[in-house]
Amino acid sequence: MSTWAVMMVTINIILAYEPSSISKCLWHNNSCVENCPEHMMKRVSNCTESFWPAQKTCKDPEEILVGTMCGFSRCDCPEPMVLDTETGYCYDVDNCPTKHGLEK
């Protein structure tokens, strides 16, 4: 591929970029909230981390890196707790009300 074609593809990608509507939102349980619940803490991407960790949940309690995020914030459970997405509360992974993916 010629340099000219690479430049055109790059320009088209840049011009097509639109800021995410979630970047101005504090996420909790798939919705925007003004503040995190008392039992949770705010986690904000600093745009310099190579990878952003996915939220640990009862169903997926292991840490998974999902890629670079910038301008994103969410409510997270304090370590080592995980979020039960059905209730919106934090639990120790062994006490989750919903079944998690780890085999014992």
N, C-alpha and C. Protein backbone atom coordinates (compact mmCIF):
# COMPACT_ATOMS: atom_id res chain seq x y z
N MET A 1 0.85 -1.17 0.00
CA MET A 1 0.00 0.00 0.00
C MET A 1 0.90 1.24 0.00
N SER A 2 0.59 2.16 -0.81
CA SER A 2 1.43 3.35 -0.91
C SER A 2 1.23 4.28 0.29
N THR A 3 2.18 5.14 0.47
CA THR A 3 2.10 6.12 1.56
C THR A 3 0.86 6.99 1.40
N TRP A 4 0.54 7.34 0.18
CA TRP A 4 -0.64 8.17 -0.12
C TRP A 4 -1.92 7.48 0.36
N ALA A 5 -2.06 6.19 0.09
CA ALA A 5 -3.25 5.45 0.51
C ALA A 5 -3.33 5.36 2.03
N VAL A 6 -2.19 5.14 2.68
CA VAL A 6 -2.17 5.07 4.14
C VAL A 6 -2.60 6.40 4.74
N MET A 7 -2.11 7.50 4.17
CA MET A 7 -2.49 8.83 4.67
C MET A 7 -3.99 9.07 4.50
N MET A 8 -4.55 8.67 3.38
CA MET A 8 -5.98 8.88 3.14
C MET A 8 -6.83 8.06 4.11
N VAL A 9 -6.43 6.82 4.36
CA VAL A 9 -7.16 5.99 5.32
C VAL A 9 -7.10 6.61 6.70
N THR A 10 -5.91 7.06 7.10
CA THR A 10 -5.74 7.69 8.41
C THR A 10 -6.60 8.94 8.54
N ILE A 11 -6.61 9.78 7.52
CA ILE A 11 -7.43 11.00 7.55
C ILE A 11 -8.91 10.66 7.66
N ASN A 12 -9.36 9.66 6.91
CA ASN A 12 -10.77 9.26 6.98
C ASN A 12 -11.15 8.75 8.37
N ILE A 13 -10.24 8.03 9.00
CA ILE A 13 -10.52 7.53 10.36
C ILE A 13 -10.61 8.70 11.33
N ILE A 14 -9.69 9.64 11.23
CA ILE A 14 -9.69 10.79 12.14
C ILE A 14 -10.94 11.63 11.95
N LEU A 15 -11.32 11.89 10.70
CA LEU A 15 -12.51 12.71 10.44
C LEU A 15 -13.80 12.02 10.87
N ALA A 16 -13.81 10.70 10.86
CA ALA A 16 -15.01 9.96 11.25
C ALA A 16 -15.15 9.84 12.76
N TYR A 17 -14.09 10.16 13.52
CA TYR A 17 -14.12 10.01 14.97
C TYR A 17 -15.11 10.98 15.59
N GLU A 18 -15.93 10.47 16.47
CA GLU A 18 -16.82 11.30 17.27
C GLU A 18 -16.60 10.93 18.72
N PRO A 19 -16.50 11.91 19.59
CA PRO A 19 -16.32 11.59 21.00
C PRO A 19 -17.49 10.75 21.50
N SER A 20 -17.19 9.81 22.34
CA SER A 20 -18.23 8.95 22.90
C SER A 20 -19.15 9.74 23.80
N SER A 21 -20.44 9.44 23.74
CA SER A 21 -21.40 10.12 24.62
C SER A 21 -21.24 9.67 26.06
N ILE A 22 -20.55 8.54 26.28
CA ILE A 22 -20.37 8.07 27.64
C ILE A 22 -19.20 8.75 28.34
N SER A 23 -18.40 9.53 27.60
CA SER A 23 -17.22 10.13 28.20
C SER A 23 -17.57 11.17 29.27
N LYS A 24 -18.74 11.73 29.24
CA LYS A 24 -19.14 12.72 30.23
C LYS A 24 -20.07 12.11 31.27
N CYS A 25 -20.08 10.81 31.33
CA CYS A 25 -21.02 10.10 32.17
C CYS A 25 -20.28 9.28 33.22
N LEU A 26 -20.81 9.22 34.42
CA LEU A 26 -20.31 8.33 35.46
C LEU A 26 -21.20 7.09 35.41
N TRP A 27 -20.63 5.96 35.01
CA TRP A 27 -21.41 4.74 34.78
C TRP A 27 -21.56 3.90 36.03
N HIS A 28 -22.78 3.44 36.25
CA HIS A 28 -23.07 2.46 37.29
C HIS A 28 -24.24 1.61 36.80
N ASN A 29 -24.02 0.31 36.73
CA ASN A 29 -25.07 -0.63 36.32
C ASN A 29 -25.74 -0.23 35.01
N ASN A 30 -24.93 0.08 34.02
CA ASN A 30 -25.39 0.41 32.66
C ASN A 30 -26.23 1.67 32.55
N SER A 31 -26.00 2.62 33.44
CA SER A 31 -26.69 3.90 33.32
C SER A 31 -25.82 5.01 33.89
N CYS A 32 -26.12 6.24 33.50
CA CYS A 32 -25.40 7.40 34.02
C CYS A 32 -25.94 7.76 35.40
N VAL A 33 -25.04 8.06 36.31
CA VAL A 33 -25.43 8.50 37.65
C VAL A 33 -24.64 9.75 38.00
N GLU A 34 -25.17 10.55 38.93
CA GLU A 34 -24.45 11.76 39.35
C GLU A 34 -23.32 11.43 40.31
N ASN A 35 -23.55 10.45 41.18
CA ASN A 35 -22.56 10.04 42.17
C ASN A 35 -22.61 8.52 42.31
N CYS A 36 -21.49 7.97 42.74
CA CYS A 36 -21.46 6.53 43.01
C CYS A 36 -22.20 6.24 44.31
N PRO A 37 -22.81 5.06 44.42
CA PRO A 37 -23.41 4.66 45.69
C PRO A 37 -22.35 4.66 46.80
N GLU A 38 -22.79 4.80 48.04
CA GLU A 38 -21.88 4.89 49.19
C GLU A 38 -20.87 3.76 49.24
N HIS A 39 -21.29 2.57 48.88
CA HIS A 39 -20.44 1.39 49.00
C HIS A 39 -19.45 1.22 47.85
N MET A 40 -19.43 2.18 46.93
CA MET A 40 -18.56 2.07 45.75
C MET A 40 -17.65 3.28 45.64
N MET A 41 -16.66 3.16 44.77
CA MET A 41 -15.74 4.27 44.55
C MET A 41 -15.68 4.62 43.07
N LYS A 42 -15.38 5.87 42.79
CA LYS A 42 -15.30 6.34 41.41
C LYS A 42 -13.95 5.96 40.82
N ARG A 43 -13.97 5.39 39.63
CA ARG A 43 -12.74 5.04 38.92
C ARG A 43 -12.74 5.82 37.61
N VAL A 44 -11.69 6.59 37.39
CA VAL A 44 -11.60 7.45 36.21
C VAL A 44 -10.37 7.05 35.40
N SER A 45 -10.55 6.90 34.10
CA SER A 45 -9.38 6.61 33.25
C SER A 45 -8.54 7.87 33.15
N ASN A 46 -7.24 7.69 33.17
CA ASN A 46 -6.37 8.86 33.11
C ASN A 46 -5.76 9.06 31.72
N CYS A 47 -6.22 8.29 30.76
CA CYS A 47 -5.82 8.40 29.36
C CYS A 47 -4.35 8.05 29.12
N THR A 48 -3.63 7.58 30.13
CA THR A 48 -2.23 7.20 29.95
C THR A 48 -2.01 5.71 30.16
N GLU A 49 -2.98 5.03 30.75
CA GLU A 49 -2.84 3.59 30.97
C GLU A 49 -2.91 2.86 29.64
N SER A 50 -2.07 1.86 29.48
CA SER A 50 -2.09 1.09 28.23
C SER A 50 -3.38 0.30 28.10
N PHE A 51 -3.88 -0.21 29.22
CA PHE A 51 -5.11 -1.00 29.19
C PHE A 51 -6.00 -0.59 30.35
N TRP A 52 -7.29 -0.66 30.12
CA TRP A 52 -8.30 -0.34 31.12
C TRP A 52 -8.90 -1.66 31.58
N PRO A 53 -8.94 -1.91 32.89
CA PRO A 53 -9.52 -3.17 33.36
C PRO A 53 -11.04 -3.16 33.28
N ALA A 54 -11.60 -4.25 32.81
CA ALA A 54 -13.06 -4.39 32.81
C ALA A 54 -13.52 -4.49 34.26
N GLN A 55 -14.76 -4.13 34.49
CA GLN A 55 -15.30 -4.22 35.85
C GLN A 55 -15.43 -5.69 36.25
N LYS A 56 -14.93 -6.00 37.45
CA LYS A 56 -15.05 -7.37 37.94
C LYS A 56 -16.46 -7.56 38.50
N THR A 57 -17.12 -8.61 38.03
CA THR A 57 -18.50 -8.87 38.44
C THR A 57 -18.61 -10.28 39.00
N CYS A 58 -19.77 -10.57 39.57
CA CYS A 58 -20.01 -11.93 40.08
C CYS A 58 -19.90 -12.95 38.95
N LYS A 59 -20.37 -12.59 37.77
CA LYS A 59 -20.33 -13.52 36.64
C LYS A 59 -18.94 -13.62 36.02
N ASP A 60 -18.16 -12.54 36.07
CA ASP A 60 -16.80 -12.50 35.52
C ASP A 60 -15.86 -11.87 36.54
N PRO A 61 -15.47 -12.63 37.58
CA PRO A 61 -14.70 -12.05 38.68
C PRO A 61 -13.21 -11.85 38.41
N GLU A 62 -12.70 -12.41 37.34
CA GLU A 62 -11.27 -12.26 37.06
C GLU A 62 -11.02 -10.95 36.32
N GLU A 63 -9.87 -10.35 36.61
CA GLU A 63 -9.54 -9.09 35.94
C GLU A 63 -9.22 -9.34 34.47
N ILE A 64 -9.88 -8.56 33.62
CA ILE A 64 -9.68 -8.65 32.17
C ILE A 64 -9.34 -7.24 31.69
N LEU A 65 -8.30 -7.12 30.90
CA LEU A 65 -7.92 -5.83 30.34
C LEU A 65 -8.62 -5.66 29.00
N VAL A 66 -9.29 -4.52 28.82
CA VAL A 66 -10.13 -4.34 27.63
C VAL A 66 -9.59 -3.33 26.63
N GLY A 67 -8.48 -2.68 26.90
CA GLY A 67 -7.94 -1.72 25.96
C GLY A 67 -7.87 -0.34 26.56
N THR A 68 -7.38 0.59 25.78
CA THR A 68 -7.20 1.95 26.25
C THR A 68 -8.53 2.69 26.26
N MET A 69 -8.81 3.36 27.34
CA MET A 69 -10.00 4.19 27.45
C MET A 69 -9.55 5.59 27.84
N CYS A 70 -10.25 6.57 27.37
CA CYS A 70 -9.91 7.94 27.71
C CYS A 70 -11.19 8.71 27.99
N GLY A 71 -11.23 9.40 29.12
CA GLY A 71 -12.39 10.20 29.46
C GLY A 71 -13.57 9.37 29.93
N PHE A 72 -13.31 8.20 30.47
CA PHE A 72 -14.37 7.29 30.91
C PHE A 72 -14.30 7.15 32.42
N SER A 73 -15.44 7.12 33.07
CA SER A 73 -15.45 6.88 34.52
C SER A 73 -16.61 5.96 34.87
N ARG A 74 -16.43 5.21 35.95
CA ARG A 74 -17.47 4.29 36.40
C ARG A 74 -17.36 4.11 37.90
N CYS A 75 -18.40 3.53 38.46
CA CYS A 75 -18.40 3.18 39.88
C CYS A 75 -17.88 1.76 40.01
N ASP A 76 -16.87 1.57 40.84
CA ASP A 76 -16.26 0.25 41.04
C ASP A 76 -16.38 -0.16 42.50
N CYS A 77 -16.39 -1.45 42.70
CA CYS A 77 -16.36 -2.00 44.06
C CYS A 77 -14.95 -1.88 44.60
N PRO A 78 -14.81 -1.66 45.91
CA PRO A 78 -13.47 -1.68 46.48
C PRO A 78 -12.89 -3.09 46.41
N GLU A 79 -11.58 -3.19 46.22
CA GLU A 79 -10.91 -4.50 46.17
C GLU A 79 -11.09 -5.22 47.50
N PRO A 80 -11.28 -6.48 47.55
CA PRO A 80 -11.32 -7.47 46.47
C PRO A 80 -12.75 -7.80 46.05
N MET A 81 -13.68 -6.92 46.33
CA MET A 81 -15.09 -7.21 46.05
C MET A 81 -15.39 -7.10 44.56
N VAL A 82 -16.53 -7.71 44.17
CA VAL A 82 -16.99 -7.69 42.78
C VAL A 82 -18.44 -7.22 42.74
N LEU A 83 -18.86 -6.73 41.59
CA LEU A 83 -20.21 -6.19 41.43
C LEU A 83 -21.19 -7.28 41.02
N ASP A 84 -22.32 -7.33 41.71
CA ASP A 84 -23.42 -8.16 41.25
C ASP A 84 -24.28 -7.27 40.37
N THR A 85 -24.27 -7.53 39.07
CA THR A 85 -24.99 -6.66 38.13
C THR A 85 -26.50 -6.76 38.27
N GLU A 86 -26.99 -7.80 38.91
CA GLU A 86 -28.44 -7.92 39.13
C GLU A 86 -28.92 -6.95 40.21
N THR A 87 -28.12 -6.78 41.26
CA THR A 87 -28.54 -5.95 42.39
C THR A 87 -27.84 -4.59 42.44
N GLY A 88 -26.65 -4.50 41.81
CA GLY A 88 -25.88 -3.26 41.86
C GLY A 88 -25.05 -3.13 43.12
N TYR A 89 -24.95 -4.20 43.92
CA TYR A 89 -24.17 -4.17 45.16
C TYR A 89 -22.88 -4.96 45.01
N CYS A 90 -21.95 -4.67 45.90
CA CYS A 90 -20.64 -5.34 45.92
C CYS A 90 -20.66 -6.51 46.89
N TYR A 91 -19.99 -7.58 46.49
CA TYR A 91 -19.91 -8.78 47.32
C TYR A 91 -18.51 -9.37 47.23
N ASP A 92 -18.14 -10.14 48.26
CA ASP A 92 -16.98 -11.01 48.11
C ASP A 92 -17.37 -12.05 47.07
N VAL A 93 -16.45 -12.44 46.23
CA VAL A 93 -16.78 -13.35 45.12
C VAL A 93 -17.42 -14.64 45.62
N ASP A 94 -17.04 -15.12 46.80
CA ASP A 94 -17.61 -16.36 47.34
C ASP A 94 -19.03 -16.18 47.86
N ASN A 95 -19.47 -14.94 48.05
CA ASN A 95 -20.81 -14.68 48.59
C ASN A 95 -21.76 -14.06 47.58
N CYS A 96 -21.40 -14.08 46.32
CA CYS A 96 -22.26 -13.48 45.29
C CYS A 96 -23.61 -14.20 45.22
N PRO A 97 -24.70 -13.44 45.10
CA PRO A 97 -26.01 -14.08 44.95
C PRO A 97 -26.20 -14.71 43.58
N THR A 98 -25.44 -14.26 42.57
CA THR A 98 -25.53 -14.87 41.25
C THR A 98 -24.30 -15.73 41.03
N LYS A 99 -24.46 -16.77 40.25
CA LYS A 99 -23.38 -17.72 40.00
C LYS A 99 -22.26 -17.05 39.21
N HIS A 100 -21.03 -17.31 39.60
CA HIS A 100 -19.91 -16.74 38.88
C HIS A 100 -19.21 -17.80 38.04
N GLY A 101 -18.38 -17.33 37.13
CA GLY A 101 -17.75 -18.20 36.13
C GLY A 101 -16.57 -19.01 36.61
N LEU A 102 -16.09 -18.80 37.82
CA LEU A 102 -14.93 -19.56 38.30
C LEU A 102 -15.36 -20.91 38.84
N GLU A 103 -14.66 -21.93 38.44
CA GLU A 103 -14.91 -23.28 38.96
C GLU A 103 -14.08 -23.47 40.21
N LYS A 104 -14.66 -24.14 41.20
CA LYS A 104 -13.91 -24.39 42.44
C LYS A 104 -13.32 -25.76 42.41
